[in-house]
Amino acid sequence: MILRELSEIPGVSGDEARVRARIWEAVRDRVDGGRVDPMGNLITWKGANRPGPKVMLAAHMDEVGLMVTRIGDDGLLRFRKVGGIDDRVLAAKAVRVGPDGVPGVIGLRPIHLLKDDEAKKPVSEQDLVIDIGAASKEEAERVVRPGAYVSFATSFGELGDGLVKGKAFDDRVGCALLVELLALDFPFPLFGVFTVQEEIGLRGARVAAYEVAPDLALVLEGTSCADIPGTEPHGQSTVLGGGPAITVMDAHHIPARPLVEGLVAAASERGIPWQWRRTAFGGTDAGSIHLTRSGVPAATVSVPCRYIHSPCAVMSLQDFDNTRRLVAGFLEDVPRIAARLAAGRA
């Protein structure tokens, strides 16, 4: 399963090259062509000269992580977060530093040495360090330098009945879906775009969408799932095992209604379980894509993932498969959906 490989490859925002190389290896025999743009997006296409609406499927390659900013005289590394990470999930985590994957641990003072008020507060990233076992600055500088990316050292694995755990499911899940979908063929121009730097501002998608100039776009994501004790039902964005999640609004985008209706119809007509994404925080590459050129009708469909933006997330393989089936059905219905879009502009 390519998701396993993609999950374990380091690829913090701005450092997606290894992820991109593995994806290109997987899709190059499934597409008519592909190129890497100056931002680092991988743009692939099938049937570019066919008639019909030009469709863009997008998934981002980058993951949240850290970057080394300074090496102390004691050999400990100071760092800053890349993307949205809760400080509470950082302490005592195993990490890999730099292109050679130098092993490290995020360290902090033990609870025995904390004052009462300190022990009750989450430790800020500014009070954490990465320990790579170096005894001095000189020793650390032999293997690491400032600017080095840091990813979580998390192995992919099975968990329970039909679940898997791993890092970077946001959005290697979407990338794995797109790799599988590019094996299919459709009677219109299809562009599969693997974007960069989504986690730090939806950056790559804006550039890629400008080049592709699609007539409509669908973003494939891994989204938050908070179906755990202590979360009120209205705060549970999605439910694990409930099927793909369709977005009606987020912080950066209100999806084109004909596309949302097309997703719902594709699921209903094929007996695919699905759910609404019930919260409106966060955003996806659709937030940039829909603002490109004179505007692009766009929507987002996501796989629910528990503990997203942390060192380890949990996902249902059944949700993954049902999302693949839903998007394939949506693509089969594109001529009908495009007609609805055109009628809405008349």
C-alpha atoms as a PDB file:
ATOM      1  CA  MET A   1       0.000   0.000   0.000  1.00  0.00           C
ATOM      2  CA  ILE A   2       1.603   3.256  -1.107  1.00  0.00           C
ATOM      3  CA  LEU A   3       0.108   5.109   1.858  1.00  0.00           C
ATOM      4  CA  ARG A   4       2.570   3.285   4.121  1.00  0.00           C
ATOM      5  CA  GLU A   5       5.549   4.522   2.110  1.00  0.00           C
ATOM      6  CA  LEU A   6       4.246   8.058   1.722  1.00  0.00           C
ATOM      7  CA  SER A   7       3.442   8.323   5.422  1.00  0.00           C
ATOM      8  CA  GLU A   8       6.957   7.394   6.488  1.00  0.00           C
ATOM      9  CA  ILE A   9       8.831   9.663   4.046  1.00  0.00           C
ATOM     10  CA  PRO A  10       9.873  13.009   5.622  1.00  0.00           C
ATOM     11  CA  GLY A  11       8.303  15.958   3.821  1.00  0.00           C
ATOM     12  CA  VAL A  12       7.818  19.048   5.973  1.00  0.00           C
ATOM     13  CA  SER A  13       6.567  22.139   4.111  1.00  0.00           C
ATOM     14  CA  GLY A  14       9.265  23.297   1.704  1.00  0.00           C
ATOM     15  CA  ASP A  15      11.049  19.931   1.785  1.00  0.00           C
ATOM     16  CA  GLU A  16       8.729  17.775  -0.316  1.00  0.00           C
ATOM     17  CA  ALA A  17      11.293  16.462  -2.841  1.00  0.00           C
ATOM     18  CA  ARG A  18      11.469  12.889  -1.518  1.00  0.00           C
ATOM     19  CA  VAL A  19       7.690  12.594  -1.382  1.00  0.00           C
ATOM     20  CA  ARG A  20       7.418  14.000  -4.905  1.00  0.00           C
ATOM     21  CA  ALA A  21       9.992  11.537  -6.251  1.00  0.00           C
ATOM     22  CA  ARG A  22       8.121   8.545  -4.845  1.00  0.00           C
ATOM     23  CA  ILE A  23       4.785   9.803  -6.181  1.00  0.00           C
ATOM     24  CA  TRP A  24       6.202  10.369  -9.663  1.00  0.00           C
ATOM     25  CA  GLU A  25       7.621   6.859  -9.637  1.00  0.00           C
ATOM     26  CA  ALA A  26       4.131   5.563  -8.817  1.00  0.00           C
ATOM     27  CA  VAL A  27       2.159   7.590 -11.389  1.00  0.00           C
ATOM     28  CA  ARG A  28       4.431   8.132 -14.387  1.00  0.00           C
ATOM     29  CA  ASP A  29       3.088   5.050 -16.180  1.00  0.00           C
ATOM     30  CA  ARG A  30      -0.497   6.067 -15.393  1.00  0.00           C
ATOM     31  CA  VAL A  31      -0.420   9.545 -16.912  1.00  0.00           C
ATOM     32  CA  ASP A  32       0.399  11.098 -20.287  1.00  0.00           C
ATOM     33  CA  GLY A  33       2.952  13.461 -18.793  1.00  0.00           C
ATOM     34  CA  GLY A  34       4.069  15.489 -15.808  1.00  0.00           C
ATOM     35  CA  ARG A  35       6.297  18.325 -14.763  1.00  0.00           C
ATOM     36  CA  VAL A  36       7.588  19.987 -11.625  1.00  0.00           C
ATOM     37  CA  ASP A  37       6.924  23.721 -11.529  1.00  0.00           C
ATOM     38  CA  PRO A  38       9.262  26.289  -9.907  1.00  0.00           C
ATOM     39  CA  MET A  39       7.385  26.022  -6.592  1.00  0.00           C
ATOM     40  CA  GLY A  40       7.888  22.262  -6.476  1.00  0.00           C
ATOM     41  CA  ASN A  41       4.339  21.187  -7.331  1.00  0.00           C
ATOM     42  CA  LEU A  42       4.083  17.976  -9.356  1.00  0.00           C
ATOM     43  CA  ILE A  43       1.544  18.555 -12.143  1.00  0.00           C
ATOM     44  CA  THR A  44       0.437  15.487 -14.100  1.00  0.00           C
ATOM     45  CA  TRP A  45      -2.158  15.108 -16.835  1.00  0.00           C
ATOM     46  CA  LYS A  46      -4.222  12.639 -18.823  1.00  0.00           C
ATOM     47  CA  GLY A  47      -6.071  13.462 -22.025  1.00  0.00           C
ATOM     48  CA  ALA A  48      -5.036  17.108 -21.996  1.00  0.00           C
ATOM     49  CA  ASN A  49      -6.343  17.626 -25.543  1.00  0.00           C
ATOM     50  CA  ARG A  50      -9.683  15.912 -25.018  1.00  0.00           C
ATOM     51  CA  PRO A  51     -12.903  17.943 -25.202  1.00  0.00           C
ATOM     52  CA  GLY A  52     -14.903  18.607 -22.103  1.00  0.00           C
ATOM     53  CA  PRO A  53     -14.275  20.456 -18.840  1.00  0.00           C
ATOM     54  CA  LYS A  54     -10.717  20.535 -17.550  1.00  0.00           C
ATOM     55  CA  VAL A  55     -10.711  18.915 -14.104  1.00  0.00           C
ATOM     56  CA  MET A  56      -8.038  19.373 -11.434  1.00  0.00           C
ATOM     57  CA  LEU A  57      -7.648  16.890  -8.579  1.00  0.00           C
ATOM     58  CA  ALA A  58      -5.292  18.198  -5.895  1.00  0.00           C
ATOM     59  CA  ALA A  59      -3.605  16.780  -2.802  1.00  0.00           C
ATOM     60  CA  HIS A  60      -0.766  18.367  -0.862  1.00  0.00           C
ATOM     61  CA  MET A  61       2.525  16.573  -0.255  1.00  0.00           C
ATOM     62  CA  ASP A  62       3.785  18.543   2.744  1.00  0.00           C
ATOM     63  CA  GLU A  63       3.347  17.739   6.420  1.00  0.00           C
ATOM     64  CA  VAL A  64       3.674  19.769   9.606  1.00  0.00           C
ATOM     65  CA  GLY A  65       7.011  19.533  11.375  1.00  0.00           C
ATOM     66  CA  LEU A  66       9.871  21.558  12.790  1.00  0.00           C
ATOM     67  CA  MET A  67      12.988  23.450  11.690  1.00  0.00           C
ATOM     68  CA  VAL A  68      16.272  23.848  13.549  1.00  0.00           C
ATOM     69  CA  THR A  69      16.984  27.532  14.216  1.00  0.00           C
ATOM     70  CA  ARG A  70      20.039  27.426  16.491  1.00  0.00           C
ATOM     71  CA  ILE A  71      22.581  25.024  17.954  1.00  0.00           C
ATOM     72  CA  GLY A  72      23.536  25.720  21.558  1.00  0.00           C
ATOM     73  CA  ASP A  73      26.990  25.422  23.081  1.00  0.00           C
ATOM     74  CA  ASP A  74      25.669  22.329  24.874  1.00  0.00           C
ATOM     75  CA  GLY A  75      24.866  20.613  21.551  1.00  0.00           C
ATOM     76  CA  LEU A  76      21.111  20.913  22.003  1.00  0.00           C
ATOM     77  CA  LEU A  77      19.038  22.157  19.067  1.00  0.00           C
ATOM     78  CA  ARG A  78      16.528  24.989  19.275  1.00  0.00           C
ATOM     79  CA  PHE A  79      13.675  24.879  16.791  1.00  0.00           C
ATOM     80  CA  ARG A  80      10.462  26.447  15.540  1.00  0.00           C
ATOM     81  CA  LYS A  81       7.288  24.817  14.299  1.00  0.00           C
ATOM     82  CA  VAL A  82       6.477  24.587  10.597  1.00  0.00           C
ATOM     83  CA  GLY A  83       2.700  24.530  10.295  1.00  0.00           C
ATOM     84  CA  GLY A  84       0.056  24.255  12.984  1.00  0.00           C
ATOM     85  CA  ILE A  85       1.208  21.971  15.811  1.00  0.00           C
ATOM     86  CA  ASP A  86      -0.103  22.029  19.375  1.00  0.00           C
ATOM     87  CA  ASP A  87       2.828  22.522  21.773  1.00  0.00           C
ATOM     88  CA  ARG A  88       1.312  19.861  24.046  1.00  0.00           C
ATOM     89  CA  VAL A  89       2.124  17.033  21.601  1.00  0.00           C
ATOM     90  CA  LEU A  90       5.827  17.842  21.234  1.00  0.00           C
ATOM     91  CA  ALA A  91       7.518  16.897  24.498  1.00  0.00           C
ATOM     92  CA  ALA A  92       9.476  13.607  24.593  1.00  0.00           C
ATOM     93  CA  LYS A  93       8.729  12.734  20.956  1.00  0.00           C
ATOM     94  CA  ALA A  94      11.268  10.929  18.800  1.00  0.00           C
ATOM     95  CA  VAL A  95      12.271  12.854  15.673  1.00  0.00           C
ATOM     96  CA  ARG A  96      14.521  12.663  12.619  1.00  0.00           C
ATOM     97  CA  VAL A  97      16.698  15.692  11.874  1.00  0.00           C
ATOM     98  CA  GLY A  98      18.015  16.846   8.517  1.00  0.00           C
ATOM     99  CA  PRO A  99      18.371  15.033   5.198  1.00  0.00           C
ATOM    100  CA  ASP A 100      20.263  12.150   6.836  1.00  0.00           C
ATOM    101  CA  GLY A 101      17.518  11.566   9.407  1.00  0.00           C
ATOM    102  CA  VAL A 102      19.718  12.032  12.485  1.00  0.00           C
ATOM    103  CA  PRO A 103      17.810  10.513  15.424  1.00  0.00           C
ATOM    104  CA  GLY A 104      16.736  12.889  18.162  1.00  0.00           C
ATOM    105  CA  VAL A 105      14.355  13.374  21.076  1.00  0.00           C
ATOM    106  CA  ILE A 106      12.453  16.523  21.999  1.00  0.00           C
ATOM    107  CA  GLY A 107      13.538  17.192  25.583  1.00  0.00           C
ATOM    108  CA  LEU A 108      12.266  19.227  28.516  1.00  0.00           C
ATOM    109  CA  ARG A 109      12.881  19.500  32.230  1.00  0.00           C
ATOM    110  CA  PRO A 110      11.450  16.531  34.152  1.00  0.00           C
ATOM    111  CA  ILE A 111       8.332  17.081  36.246  1.00  0.00           C
ATOM    112  CA  HIS A 112      10.343  16.499  39.441  1.00  0.00           C
ATOM    113  CA  LEU A 113      12.201  19.779  38.856  1.00  0.00           C
ATOM    114  CA  LEU A 114       9.193  21.953  38.031  1.00  0.00           C
ATOM    115  CA  LYS A 115       7.439  24.410  40.309  1.00  0.00           C
ATOM    116  CA  ASP A 116       3.728  23.767  40.909  1.00  0.00           C
ATOM    117  CA  ASP A 117       2.559  26.504  38.524  1.00  0.00           C
ATOM    118  CA  GLU A 118       4.988  25.326  35.818  1.00  0.00           C
ATOM    119  CA  ALA A 119       3.728  21.745  35.986  1.00  0.00           C
ATOM    120  CA  LYS A 120       0.169  22.902  35.258  1.00  0.00           C
ATOM    121  CA  LYS A 121       0.997  24.628  31.969  1.00  0.00           C
ATOM    122  CA  PRO A 122       1.853  23.180  28.552  1.00  0.00           C
ATOM    123  CA  VAL A 123       5.502  23.699  27.692  1.00  0.00           C
ATOM    124  CA  SER A 124       6.054  26.190  24.866  1.00  0.00           C
ATOM    125  CA  GLU A 125       8.183  25.277  21.866  1.00  0.00           C
ATOM    126  CA  GLN A 126      10.575  28.004  23.010  1.00  0.00           C
ATOM    127  CA  ASP A 127      11.306  26.002  26.173  1.00  0.00           C
ATOM    128  CA  LEU A 128      11.899  22.717  24.344  1.00  0.00           C
ATOM    129  CA  VAL A 129      15.067  21.414  22.715  1.00  0.00           C
ATOM    130  CA  ILE A 130      16.035  18.565  20.425  1.00  0.00           C
ATOM    131  CA  ASP A 131      18.656  16.259  21.876  1.00  0.00           C
ATOM    132  CA  ILE A 132      20.678  14.332  19.254  1.00  0.00           C
ATOM    133  CA  GLY A 133      23.192  13.048  21.775  1.00  0.00           C
ATOM    134  CA  ALA A 134      25.841  15.658  20.974  1.00  0.00           C
ATOM    135  CA  ALA A 135      28.006  16.872  23.873  1.00  0.00           C
ATOM    136  CA  SER A 136      28.923  20.212  22.296  1.00  0.00           C
ATOM    137  CA  LYS A 137      28.026  22.666  19.550  1.00  0.00           C
ATOM    138  CA  GLU A 138      30.968  21.474  17.495  1.00  0.00           C
ATOM    139  CA  GLU A 139      29.864  17.847  17.746  1.00  0.00           C
ATOM    140  CA  ALA A 140      26.287  18.708  16.750  1.00  0.00           C
ATOM    141  CA  GLU A 141      27.444  20.834  13.817  1.00  0.00           C
ATOM    142  CA  ARG A 142      29.155  17.818  12.290  1.00  0.00           C
ATOM    143  CA  VAL A 143      25.749  16.297  11.476  1.00  0.00           C
ATOM    144  CA  VAL A 144      23.174  19.127  11.718  1.00  0.00           C
ATOM    145  CA  ARG A 145      22.988  22.791  10.814  1.00  0.00           C
ATOM    146  CA  PRO A 146      20.412  25.562  11.304  1.00  0.00           C
ATOM    147  CA  GLY A 147      17.675  25.340   8.692  1.00  0.00           C
ATOM    148  CA  ALA A 148      17.519  21.559   8.915  1.00  0.00           C
ATOM    149  CA  TYR A 149      14.005  20.152   8.748  1.00  0.00           C
ATOM    150  CA  VAL A 150      12.734  17.897  11.518  1.00  0.00           C
ATOM    151  CA  SER A 151      10.013  15.262  11.092  1.00  0.00           C
ATOM    152  CA  PHE A 152       8.435  12.916  13.599  1.00  0.00           C
ATOM    153  CA  ALA A 153       9.944   9.406  13.737  1.00  0.00           C
ATOM    154  CA  THR A 154       6.653   7.538  13.466  1.00  0.00           C
ATOM    155  CA  SER A 155       6.260   4.129  11.831  1.00  0.00           C
ATOM    156  CA  PHE A 156       3.138   3.206   9.876  1.00  0.00           C
ATOM    157  CA  GLY A 157       1.236   0.241  11.265  1.00  0.00           C
ATOM    158  CA  GLU A 158      -2.066  -1.530  11.713  1.00  0.00           C
ATOM    159  CA  LEU A 159      -4.182  -0.670  14.721  1.00  0.00           C
ATOM    160  CA  GLY A 160      -7.232  -2.640  15.757  1.00  0.00           C
ATOM    161  CA  ASP A 161      -9.737  -3.868  13.180  1.00  0.00           C
ATOM    162  CA  GLY A 162      -9.299  -2.073   9.874  1.00  0.00           C
ATOM    163  CA  LEU A 163      -7.481   0.961  11.271  1.00  0.00           C
ATOM    164  CA  VAL A 164      -3.955   2.212  10.620  1.00  0.00           C
ATOM    165  CA  LYS A 165      -1.714   4.674  12.419  1.00  0.00           C
ATOM    166  CA  GLY A 166       1.067   6.856  11.105  1.00  0.00           C
ATOM    167  CA  LYS A 167       2.382  10.364  10.623  1.00  0.00           C
ATOM    168  CA  ALA A 168       1.490  12.875   7.899  1.00  0.00           C
ATOM    169  CA  PHE A 169      -1.930  11.445   7.062  1.00  0.00           C
ATOM    170  CA  ASP A 170      -2.663  15.127   6.371  1.00  0.00           C
ATOM    171  CA  ASP A 171      -2.246  14.845   3.470  1.00  0.00           C
ATOM    172  CA  ARG A 172      -0.432  11.707   2.362  1.00  0.00           C
ATOM    173  CA  VAL A 173      -3.893  10.143   2.550  1.00  0.00           C
ATOM    174  CA  GLY A 174      -5.007  12.488  -0.235  1.00  0.00           C
ATOM    175  CA  CYS A 175      -1.804  11.825  -2.187  1.00  0.00           C
ATOM    176  CA  ALA A 176      -2.345   8.054  -1.972  1.00  0.00           C
ATOM    177  CA  LEU A 177      -5.938   8.485  -3.147  1.00  0.00           C
ATOM    178  CA  LEU A 178      -4.827  10.585  -6.099  1.00  0.00           C
ATOM    179  CA  VAL A 179      -2.171   8.027  -7.069  1.00  0.00           C
ATOM    180  CA  GLU A 180      -4.875   5.341  -7.209  1.00  0.00           C
ATOM    181  CA  LEU A 181      -7.370   7.537  -9.071  1.00  0.00           C
ATOM    182  CA  LEU A 182      -4.844   8.332 -11.793  1.00  0.00           C
ATOM    183  CA  ALA A 183      -5.022   4.674 -12.823  1.00  0.00           C
ATOM    184  CA  LEU A 184      -8.567   5.366 -14.094  1.00  0.00           C
ATOM    185  CA  ASP A 185      -9.487   6.964 -17.404  1.00  0.00           C
ATOM    186  CA  PHE A 186     -12.130   9.602 -18.149  1.00  0.00           C
ATOM    187  CA  PRO A 187     -13.322  11.325 -21.351  1.00  0.00           C
ATOM    188  CA  PHE A 188     -12.128  14.801 -20.369  1.00  0.00           C
ATOM    189  CA  PRO A 189      -8.810  16.488 -19.500  1.00  0.00           C
ATOM    190  CA  LEU A 190      -7.769  15.386 -16.012  1.00  0.00           C
ATOM    191  CA  PHE A 191      -4.921  17.044 -14.122  1.00  0.00           C
ATOM    192  CA  GLY A 192      -3.610  15.344 -10.991  1.00  0.00           C
ATOM    193  CA  VAL A 193      -1.697  17.919  -8.972  1.00  0.00           C
ATOM    194  CA  PHE A 194       0.423  17.163  -5.915  1.00  0.00           C
ATOM    195  CA  THR A 195       1.011  20.493  -4.212  1.00  0.00           C
ATOM    196  CA  VAL A 196       3.587  21.948  -1.831  1.00  0.00           C
ATOM    197  CA  GLN A 197       3.458  24.229   1.208  1.00  0.00           C
ATOM    198  CA  GLU A 198      -0.238  23.836   1.983  1.00  0.00           C
ATOM    199  CA  GLU A 199       0.420  23.774   5.717  1.00  0.00           C
ATOM    200  CA  ILE A 200       1.983  27.239   5.725  1.00  0.00           C
ATOM    201  CA  GLY A 201      -0.571  29.132   3.651  1.00  0.00           C
ATOM    202  CA  LEU A 202      -2.000  27.095   0.743  1.00  0.00           C
ATOM    203  CA  ARG A 203       0.891  28.373  -1.352  1.00  0.00           C
ATOM    204  CA  GLY A 204       1.663  25.738  -3.959  1.00  0.00           C
ATOM    205  CA  ALA A 205      -1.947  25.229  -5.000  1.00  0.00           C
ATOM    206  CA  ARG A 206      -2.353  28.882  -5.992  1.00  0.00           C
ATOM    207  CA  VAL A 207       0.550  28.662  -8.430  1.00  0.00           C
ATOM    208  CA  ALA A 208      -0.451  25.262  -9.811  1.00  0.00           C
ATOM    209  CA  ALA A 209      -4.071  26.251 -10.362  1.00  0.00           C
ATOM    210  CA  TYR A 210      -2.978  29.375 -12.246  1.00  0.00           C
ATOM    211  CA  GLU A 211      -0.973  27.214 -14.647  1.00  0.00           C
ATOM    212  CA  VAL A 212      -3.582  24.465 -15.068  1.00  0.00           C
ATOM    213  CA  ALA A 213      -6.516  26.922 -15.329  1.00  0.00           C
ATOM    214  CA  PRO A 214      -9.118  24.227 -14.548  1.00  0.00           C
ATOM    215  CA  ASP A 215     -12.848  24.501 -15.154  1.00  0.00           C
ATOM    216  CA  LEU A 216     -13.476  22.808 -11.807  1.00  0.00           C
ATOM    217  CA  ALA A 217     -11.362  21.382  -9.010  1.00  0.00           C
ATOM    218  CA  LEU A 218     -11.678  18.812  -6.252  1.00  0.00           C
ATOM    219  CA  VAL A 219      -9.296  18.745  -3.296  1.00  0.00           C
ATOM    220  CA  LEU A 220      -8.529  15.426  -1.560  1.00  0.00           C
ATOM    221  CA  GLU A 221      -7.649  15.797   2.116  1.00  0.00           C
ATOM    222  CA  GLY A 222      -7.187  14.142   5.469  1.00  0.00           C
ATOM    223  CA  THR A 223      -9.385  16.024   7.913  1.00  0.00           C
ATOM    224  CA  SER A 224      -9.797  16.259  11.678  1.00  0.00           C
ATOM    225  CA  CYS A 225     -11.818  13.641  13.540  1.00  0.00           C
ATOM    226  CA  ALA A 226     -12.628  14.254  17.199  1.00  0.00           C
ATOM    227  CA  ASP A 227     -15.008  11.382  17.991  1.00  0.00           C
ATOM    228  CA  ILE A 228     -13.345  10.703  21.333  1.00  0.00           C
ATOM    229  CA  PRO A 229     -14.493  11.116  24.970  1.00  0.00           C
ATOM    230  CA  GLY A 230     -14.688  14.714  26.118  1.00  0.00           C
ATOM    231  CA  THR A 231     -15.743  16.137  22.771  1.00  0.00           C
ATOM    232  CA  GLU A 232     -19.304  17.397  22.442  1.00  0.00           C
ATOM    233  CA  PRO A 233     -21.187  15.999  19.404  1.00  0.00           C
ATOM    234  CA  HIS A 234     -21.348  19.421  17.735  1.00  0.00           C
ATOM    235  CA  GLY A 235     -17.557  19.665  17.997  1.00  0.00           C
ATOM    236  CA  GLN A 236     -16.921  16.322  16.339  1.00  0.00           C
ATOM    237  CA  SER A 237     -15.893  17.425  12.889  1.00  0.00           C
ATOM    238  CA  THR A 238     -16.149  13.879  11.553  1.00  0.00           C
ATOM    239  CA  VAL A 239     -16.584  10.330  12.840  1.00  0.00           C
ATOM    240  CA  LEU A 240     -14.085   7.572  12.114  1.00  0.00           C
ATOM    241  CA  GLY A 241     -15.729   4.881   9.990  1.00  0.00           C
ATOM    242  CA  GLY A 242     -18.521   7.214   8.895  1.00  0.00           C
ATOM    243  CA  GLY A 243     -17.232   7.505   5.336  1.00  0.00           C
ATOM    244  CA  PRO A 244     -15.745  10.395   3.361  1.00  0.00           C
ATOM    245  CA  ALA A 245     -16.467  13.888   4.670  1.00  0.00           C
ATOM    246  CA  ILE A 246     -17.906  16.547   2.364  1.00  0.00           C
ATOM    247  CA  THR A 247     -17.175  20.178   3.253  1.00  0.00           C
ATOM    248  CA  VAL A 248     -19.869  22.863   3.059  1.00  0.00           C
ATOM    249  CA  MET A 249     -17.732  25.676   4.521  1.00  0.00           C
ATOM    250  CA  ASP A 250     -14.343  26.261   6.110  1.00  0.00           C
ATOM    251  CA  ALA A 251     -12.274  29.279   7.112  1.00  0.00           C
ATOM    252  CA  HIS A 252     -11.057  29.965   3.557  1.00  0.00           C
ATOM    253  CA  HIS A 253     -13.704  28.667   1.191  1.00  0.00           C
ATOM    254  CA  ILE A 254     -17.386  28.012   0.585  1.00  0.00           C
ATOM    255  CA  PRO A 255     -17.444  25.188  -1.983  1.00  0.00           C
ATOM    256  CA  ALA A 256     -19.382  25.551  -5.238  1.00  0.00           C
ATOM    257  CA  ARG A 257     -22.833  24.150  -4.513  1.00  0.00           C
ATOM    258  CA  PRO A 258     -23.149  22.115  -7.763  1.00  0.00           C
ATOM    259  CA  LEU A 259     -19.949  20.278  -6.818  1.00  0.00           C
ATOM    260  CA  VAL A 260     -21.195  19.588  -3.297  1.00  0.00           C
ATOM    261  CA  GLU A 261     -24.491  18.330  -4.700  1.00  0.00           C
ATOM    262  CA  GLY A 262     -22.555  16.250  -7.220  1.00  0.00           C
ATOM    263  CA  LEU A 263     -20.563  14.586  -4.446  1.00  0.00           C
ATOM    264  CA  VAL A 264     -23.709  13.823  -2.457  1.00  0.00           C
ATOM    265  CA  ALA A 265     -25.445  12.419  -5.536  1.00  0.00           C
ATOM    266  CA  ALA A 266     -22.419  10.299  -6.474  1.00  0.00           C
ATOM    267  CA  ALA A 267     -22.387   8.770  -2.991  1.00  0.00           C
ATOM    268  CA  SER A 268     -26.139   8.256  -2.753  1.00  0.00           C
ATOM    269  CA  GLU A 269     -26.508   6.686  -6.193  1.00  0.00           C
ATOM    270  CA  ARG A 270     -23.684   4.224  -5.517  1.00  0.00           C
ATOM    271  CA  GLY A 271     -24.560   3.352  -1.937  1.00  0.00           C
ATOM    272  CA  ILE A 272     -21.377   4.883  -0.520  1.00  0.00           C
ATOM    273  CA  PRO A 273     -21.566   5.997   3.139  1.00  0.00           C
ATOM    274  CA  TRP A 274     -20.594   9.634   3.637  1.00  0.00           C
ATOM    275  CA  GLN A 275     -20.835  12.449   6.189  1.00  0.00           C
ATOM    276  CA  TRP A 276     -20.758  16.214   6.395  1.00  0.00           C
ATOM    277  CA  ARG A 277     -17.656  17.856   7.810  1.00  0.00           C
ATOM    278  CA  ARG A 278     -19.467  19.530  10.668  1.00  0.00           C
ATOM    279  CA  THR A 279     -16.989  22.214  11.721  1.00  0.00           C
ATOM    280  CA  ALA A 280     -15.850  25.235   9.737  1.00  0.00           C
ATOM    281  CA  PHE A 281     -12.352  25.879  11.076  1.00  0.00           C
ATOM    282  CA  GLY A 282      -9.151  25.348   9.099  1.00  0.00           C
ATOM    283  CA  GLY A 283      -8.893  25.225   5.345  1.00  0.00           C
ATOM    284  CA  THR A 284      -7.611  23.306   2.349  1.00  0.00           C
ATOM    285  CA  ASP A 285      -5.970  24.052  -0.992  1.00  0.00           C
ATOM    286  CA  ALA A 286      -9.459  24.821  -2.301  1.00  0.00           C
ATOM    287  CA  GLY A 287      -9.096  28.160  -0.489  1.00  0.00           C
ATOM    288  CA  SER A 288      -6.383  29.168  -2.971  1.00  0.00           C
ATOM    289  CA  ILE A 289      -7.598  27.303  -6.026  1.00  0.00           C
ATOM    290  CA  HIS A 290     -11.033  28.920  -6.121  1.00  0.00           C
ATOM    291  CA  LEU A 291      -9.504  32.410  -6.198  1.00  0.00           C
ATOM    292  CA  THR A 292      -7.257  31.730  -9.193  1.00  0.00           C
ATOM    293  CA  ARG A 293      -7.627  33.730 -12.417  1.00  0.00           C
ATOM    294  CA  SER A 294     -11.317  34.580 -12.825  1.00  0.00           C
ATOM    295  CA  GLY A 295     -12.370  31.989 -10.242  1.00  0.00           C
ATOM    296  CA  VAL A 296     -12.552  28.188 -10.160  1.00  0.00           C
ATOM    297  CA  PRO A 297     -15.532  26.179  -8.843  1.00  0.00           C
ATOM    298  CA  ALA A 298     -13.973  23.944  -6.199  1.00  0.00           C
ATOM    299  CA  ALA A 299     -14.900  21.531  -3.432  1.00  0.00           C
ATOM    300  CA  THR A 300     -13.189  19.327  -0.851  1.00  0.00           C
ATOM    301  CA  VAL A 301     -13.718  15.704   0.138  1.00  0.00           C
ATOM    302  CA  SER A 302     -11.735  14.290   3.049  1.00  0.00           C
ATOM    303  CA  VAL A 303     -10.800  11.117   4.892  1.00  0.00           C
ATOM    304  CA  PRO A 304     -11.415  11.455   8.669  1.00  0.00           C
ATOM    305  CA  CYS A 305      -8.225  11.137  10.733  1.00  0.00           C
ATOM    306  CA  ARG A 306      -7.958  11.205  14.520  1.00  0.00           C
ATOM    307  CA  TYR A 307      -5.109  13.187  16.155  1.00  0.00           C
ATOM    308  CA  ILE A 308      -4.322  15.145  13.015  1.00  0.00           C
ATOM    309  CA  HIS A 309      -1.326  17.537  13.052  1.00  0.00           C
ATOM    310  CA  SER A 310       0.354  15.416  15.693  1.00  0.00           C
ATOM    311  CA  PRO A 311       3.189  12.845  15.633  1.00  0.00           C
ATOM    312  CA  CYS A 312       0.705  10.032  15.007  1.00  0.00           C
ATOM    313  CA  ALA A 313      -2.791   9.922  13.473  1.00  0.00           C
ATOM    314  CA  VAL A 314      -5.350   7.119  13.105  1.00  0.00           C
ATOM    315  CA  MET A 315      -7.410   6.370   9.988  1.00  0.00           C
ATOM    316  CA  SER A 316      -9.966   3.807   8.829  1.00  0.00           C
ATOM    317  CA  LEU A 317      -9.032   1.857   5.699  1.00  0.00           C
ATOM    318  CA  GLN A 318     -12.740   1.537   4.950  1.00  0.00           C
ATOM    319  CA  ASP A 319     -13.076   5.335   4.946  1.00  0.00           C
ATOM    320  CA  PHE A 320     -10.090   5.514   2.597  1.00  0.00           C
ATOM    321  CA  ASP A 321     -11.650   3.015   0.182  1.00  0.00           C
ATOM    322  CA  ASN A 322     -15.051   4.698   0.294  1.00  0.00           C
ATOM    323  CA  THR A 323     -13.438   8.073  -0.427  1.00  0.00           C
ATOM    324  CA  ARG A 324     -11.719   6.580  -3.466  1.00  0.00           C
ATOM    325  CA  ARG A 325     -15.049   5.143  -4.651  1.00  0.00           C
ATOM    326  CA  LEU A 326     -16.815   8.475  -4.089  1.00  0.00           C
ATOM    327  CA  VAL A 327     -14.265  10.506  -6.053  1.00  0.00           C
ATOM    328  CA  ALA A 328     -14.273   7.961  -8.887  1.00  0.00           C
ATOM    329  CA  GLY A 329     -18.074   8.221  -9.024  1.00  0.00           C
ATOM    330  CA  PHE A 330     -17.885  12.015  -8.970  1.00  0.00           C
ATOM    331  CA  LEU A 331     -15.492  11.937 -11.925  1.00  0.00           C
ATOM    332  CA  GLU A 332     -17.862   9.648 -13.833  1.00  0.00           C
ATOM    333  CA  ASP A 333     -20.580  12.254 -13.284  1.00  0.00           C
ATOM    334  CA  VAL A 334     -18.445  15.273 -14.302  1.00  0.00           C
ATOM    335  CA  PRO A 335     -20.305  15.933 -17.590  1.00  0.00           C
ATOM    336  CA  ARG A 336     -23.582  16.211 -15.667  1.00  0.00           C
ATOM    337  CA  ILE A 337     -22.007  18.334 -12.918  1.00  0.00           C
ATOM    338  CA  ALA A 338     -20.349  20.649 -15.450  1.00  0.00           C
ATOM    339  CA  ALA A 339     -23.729  21.175 -17.128  1.00  0.00           C
ATOM    340  CA  ARG A 340     -25.166  22.277 -13.773  1.00  0.00           C
ATOM    341  CA  LEU A 341     -22.298  24.715 -13.318  1.00  0.00           C
ATOM    342  CA  ALA A 342     -22.901  26.186 -16.775  1.00  0.00           C
ATOM    343  CA  ALA A 343     -26.650  26.458 -16.159  1.00  0.00           C
ATOM    344  CA  GLY A 344     -25.980  28.321 -12.911  1.00  0.00           C
ATOM    345  CA  ARG A 345     -23.960  30.947 -14.780  1.00  0.00           C
ATOM    346  CA  ALA A 346     -26.535  31.438 -17.530  1.00  0.00           C
END
